[in-house]
Amino acid sequence: MPSSQSLSEADRRLVATWAADCAERVLVLFEAEAPTDDRPRDAIARARAFARGELDTAGEIRRRFVAGRAAHAVSSPAAVAAARAAAQASGVAHMGAHALGAAAYAAKAAGLAEPDQPTAVADEITWQLEHMSARVSAALQQLPPLGEDSAGPLGPGLLSSGILGSTIRTIQAAIGSSPQLEETR
């Protein structure tokens, strides 16, 4: 039986664009430190291509760790988080819950990039929610609450702690209480 964190292929294709949008907002943080390393940019492009139906799930499952390895090519915590946001976006082809991981790492990267800006993480989460369509929200609402299902990225691991966990909990609370998101977003 598939994990409840998987989502249907149609829903994964739907949320992949939003995850790519979240990761792309912080990509500059990675590229400033490693301008010739195109792995995170390629991962975001693949997430978008998957969303458009141009790539299949099996092929993307094999490639999902490429961008994550780019995190080892940089040293600043913001650049590392940006690479991980791209890796999570590319992982949506495998499991829909990675969309929340992409958003969480993007918010973490934004906060690390502006340590003197106490609202940087909250501002990034606000942007993410404002750029989430009602259809993406509905798809993400199918995911279990963070930490309640151990069969995937929303289990009791890395994404459930610290800033990553608080970001995902904030997003899940917002989409769980806002079913009236505009259909046109």
Protein backbone atom coordinates (compact mmCIF):
# COMPACT_ATOMS: atom_id res chain seq x y z
CA MET A 1 0.00 0.00 0.00
CA PRO A 2 1.43 3.42 -0.91
CA SER A 3 2.17 5.95 1.78
CA SER A 4 -0.46 8.58 2.52
CA GLN A 5 2.35 11.04 1.85
CA SER A 6 2.63 10.01 -1.79
CA LEU A 7 -0.40 11.73 -3.33
CA SER A 8 -1.73 10.65 -6.70
CA GLU A 9 0.42 11.29 -9.75
CA ALA A 10 -1.99 14.02 -10.86
CA ASP A 11 -1.71 15.75 -7.47
CA ARG A 12 2.09 15.39 -7.45
CA ARG A 13 2.22 17.05 -10.86
CA LEU A 14 0.00 19.82 -9.51
CA VAL A 15 2.06 20.55 -6.38
CA ALA A 16 5.41 20.23 -8.19
CA THR A 17 5.06 23.67 -9.75
CA TRP A 18 4.38 25.29 -6.38
CA ALA A 19 7.34 23.46 -4.84
CA ALA A 20 9.55 24.63 -7.72
CA ASP A 21 8.33 28.20 -7.22
CA CYS A 22 9.26 28.03 -3.53
CA ALA A 23 12.72 26.63 -4.24
CA GLU A 24 13.41 29.02 -7.09
CA ARG A 25 12.90 32.05 -4.84
CA VAL A 26 16.03 31.15 -2.86
CA LEU A 27 18.11 29.61 -5.65
CA VAL A 28 20.17 32.80 -5.89
CA LEU A 29 21.57 32.03 -2.43
CA PHE A 30 23.09 28.81 -3.75
CA GLU A 31 24.19 30.25 -7.08
CA ALA A 32 25.96 33.18 -5.40
CA GLU A 33 28.31 30.69 -3.77
CA ALA A 34 28.47 28.07 -6.53
CA PRO A 35 27.65 29.85 -9.81
CA THR A 36 28.81 26.99 -12.04
CA ASP A 37 26.94 24.23 -10.20
CA ASP A 38 23.66 23.81 -12.06
CA ARG A 39 22.30 20.83 -10.08
CA PRO A 40 19.74 22.80 -8.04
CA ARG A 41 18.59 24.84 -11.07
CA ASP A 42 18.27 21.62 -13.06
CA ALA A 43 16.25 20.02 -10.25
CA ILE A 44 13.81 22.93 -10.27
CA ALA A 45 13.54 22.73 -14.06
CA ARG A 46 12.88 18.98 -13.80
CA ALA A 47 10.18 19.58 -11.18
CA ARG A 48 8.50 21.97 -13.61
CA ALA A 49 8.90 19.51 -16.50
CA PHE A 50 7.40 16.76 -14.34
CA ALA A 51 4.47 19.07 -13.55
CA ARG A 52 3.88 19.60 -17.27
CA GLY A 53 3.89 15.83 -17.87
CA GLU A 54 7.17 15.87 -19.77
CA LEU A 55 9.01 13.56 -17.35
CA ASP A 56 7.89 10.32 -15.76
CA THR A 57 7.92 9.36 -12.13
CA ALA A 58 10.36 6.44 -12.52
CA GLY A 59 13.02 8.57 -14.18
CA GLU A 60 12.71 11.28 -11.56
CA ILE A 61 12.89 8.80 -8.69
CA ARG A 62 16.32 7.78 -9.96
CA ARG A 63 17.49 11.41 -10.17
CA ARG A 64 15.93 12.85 -7.01
CA PHE A 65 19.13 12.95 -4.95
CA VAL A 66 21.27 14.89 -7.44
CA ALA A 67 20.37 18.36 -6.17
CA GLY A 68 20.71 17.26 -2.57
CA ARG A 69 24.34 16.39 -3.19
CA ALA A 70 24.88 19.98 -4.33
CA ALA A 71 24.37 21.03 -0.70
CA HIS A 72 27.83 19.58 -0.01
CA ALA A 73 29.40 21.94 -2.57
CA VAL A 74 28.62 25.08 -0.56
CA SER A 75 29.43 26.20 2.95
CA SER A 76 26.96 28.89 3.97
CA PRO A 77 23.90 27.54 5.75
CA ALA A 78 21.59 29.62 3.51
CA ALA A 79 23.13 28.12 0.34
CA VAL A 80 22.87 24.62 1.78
CA ALA A 81 19.18 25.16 2.61
CA ALA A 82 18.56 26.55 -0.90
CA ALA A 83 20.08 23.42 -2.48
CA ARG A 84 17.94 21.25 -0.24
CA ALA A 85 14.83 23.22 -1.23
CA ALA A 86 15.58 22.39 -4.88
CA ALA A 87 16.19 18.74 -3.98
CA GLN A 88 12.86 18.56 -2.17
CA ALA A 89 11.10 20.12 -5.16
CA SER A 90 12.55 17.47 -7.45
CA GLY A 91 11.48 14.80 -4.96
CA VAL A 92 7.81 15.67 -5.48
CA ALA A 93 7.78 13.33 -8.49
CA HIS A 94 8.43 10.52 -6.02
CA MET A 95 6.32 11.69 -3.08
CA GLY A 96 4.03 14.70 -2.85
CA ALA A 97 4.99 15.48 0.73
CA HIS A 98 8.33 16.75 -0.55
CA ALA A 99 6.48 19.90 -1.67
CA LEU A 100 6.21 20.90 1.97
CA GLY A 101 9.90 20.09 2.39
CA ALA A 102 10.74 22.43 -0.50
CA ALA A 103 8.73 25.21 1.12
CA ALA A 104 10.28 24.61 4.54
CA TYR A 105 13.85 24.63 3.23
CA ALA A 106 13.12 27.76 1.19
CA ALA A 107 11.81 29.53 4.28
CA LYS A 108 14.85 28.36 6.26
CA ALA A 109 17.17 29.66 3.53
CA ALA A 110 15.39 33.02 3.51
CA GLY A 111 15.75 33.31 7.27
CA LEU A 112 19.42 32.33 7.23
CA ALA A 113 20.12 34.83 4.45
CA GLU A 114 18.67 37.68 6.50
CA PRO A 115 19.54 36.97 10.14
CA ASP A 116 18.89 40.60 11.10
CA GLN A 117 15.38 40.44 9.65
CA PRO A 118 13.22 38.73 12.32
CA THR A 119 10.26 38.36 9.95
CA ALA A 120 12.19 36.79 7.03
CA VAL A 121 10.87 33.26 7.60
CA ALA A 122 7.32 34.44 8.25
CA ASP A 123 7.48 36.68 5.18
CA GLU A 124 8.58 33.73 3.04
CA ILE A 125 5.78 31.53 4.39
CA THR A 126 3.30 34.32 3.65
CA TRP A 127 4.57 34.50 0.06
CA GLN A 128 4.29 30.72 -0.27
CA LEU A 129 0.70 30.71 0.97
CA GLU A 130 -0.26 33.65 -1.22
CA HIS A 131 1.12 31.83 -4.27
CA MET A 132 -0.63 28.55 -3.52
CA SER A 133 -3.67 27.85 -5.67
CA ALA A 134 -6.80 26.36 -4.20
CA ARG A 135 -6.08 23.16 -6.12
CA VAL A 136 -2.56 22.92 -4.64
CA SER A 137 -3.98 23.61 -1.20
CA ALA A 138 -6.58 20.86 -1.65
CA ALA A 139 -3.89 18.41 -2.76
CA LEU A 140 -1.64 19.26 0.19
CA GLN A 141 -4.56 18.95 2.61
CA GLN A 142 -4.61 15.23 1.78
CA LEU A 143 -1.23 14.81 3.47
CA PRO A 144 -1.12 13.64 7.08
CA PRO A 145 -0.13 16.15 9.74
CA LEU A 146 3.61 16.42 10.25
CA GLY A 147 5.00 13.65 12.46
CA GLU A 148 1.93 11.39 12.37
CA ASP A 149 2.88 9.03 9.53
CA SER A 150 6.37 7.54 9.56
CA ALA A 151 6.23 6.30 5.95
CA GLY A 152 7.73 9.35 4.27
CA PRO A 153 9.32 12.76 4.65
CA LEU A 154 6.63 14.05 7.02
CA GLY A 155 7.49 11.35 9.56
CA PRO A 156 9.30 11.98 12.82
CA GLY A 157 12.59 12.88 11.13
CA LEU A 158 14.48 15.94 9.98
CA LEU A 159 11.51 17.80 8.50
CA SER A 160 9.55 17.55 11.74
CA SER A 161 12.04 19.45 13.90
CA GLY A 162 13.32 22.99 14.25
CA ILE A 163 12.51 25.66 11.70
CA LEU A 164 11.61 23.04 9.10
CA GLY A 165 8.98 21.52 11.36
CA SER A 166 7.55 24.84 12.48
CA THR A 167 7.31 26.01 8.86
CA ILE A 168 5.49 22.88 7.74
CA ARG A 169 3.15 23.05 10.73
CA THR A 170 2.38 26.69 9.91
CA ILE A 171 1.63 25.85 6.28
CA GLN A 172 -0.50 22.84 7.21
CA ALA A 173 -2.45 24.90 9.75
CA ALA A 174 -3.02 27.67 7.22
CA ILE A 175 -4.26 25.39 4.46
CA GLY A 176 -6.32 23.36 6.89
CA SER A 177 -8.17 26.45 8.07
CA SER A 178 -8.43 28.25 4.72
CA PRO A 179 -10.44 26.15 2.29
CA GLN A 180 -11.63 29.36 0.65
CA LEU A 181 -8.33 30.06 -1.16
CA GLU A 182 -9.15 31.63 -4.47
CA GLU A 183 -9.68 29.18 -7.34
CA THR A 184 -7.83 31.48 -9.72
CA ARG A 185 -4.52 31.43 -7.90
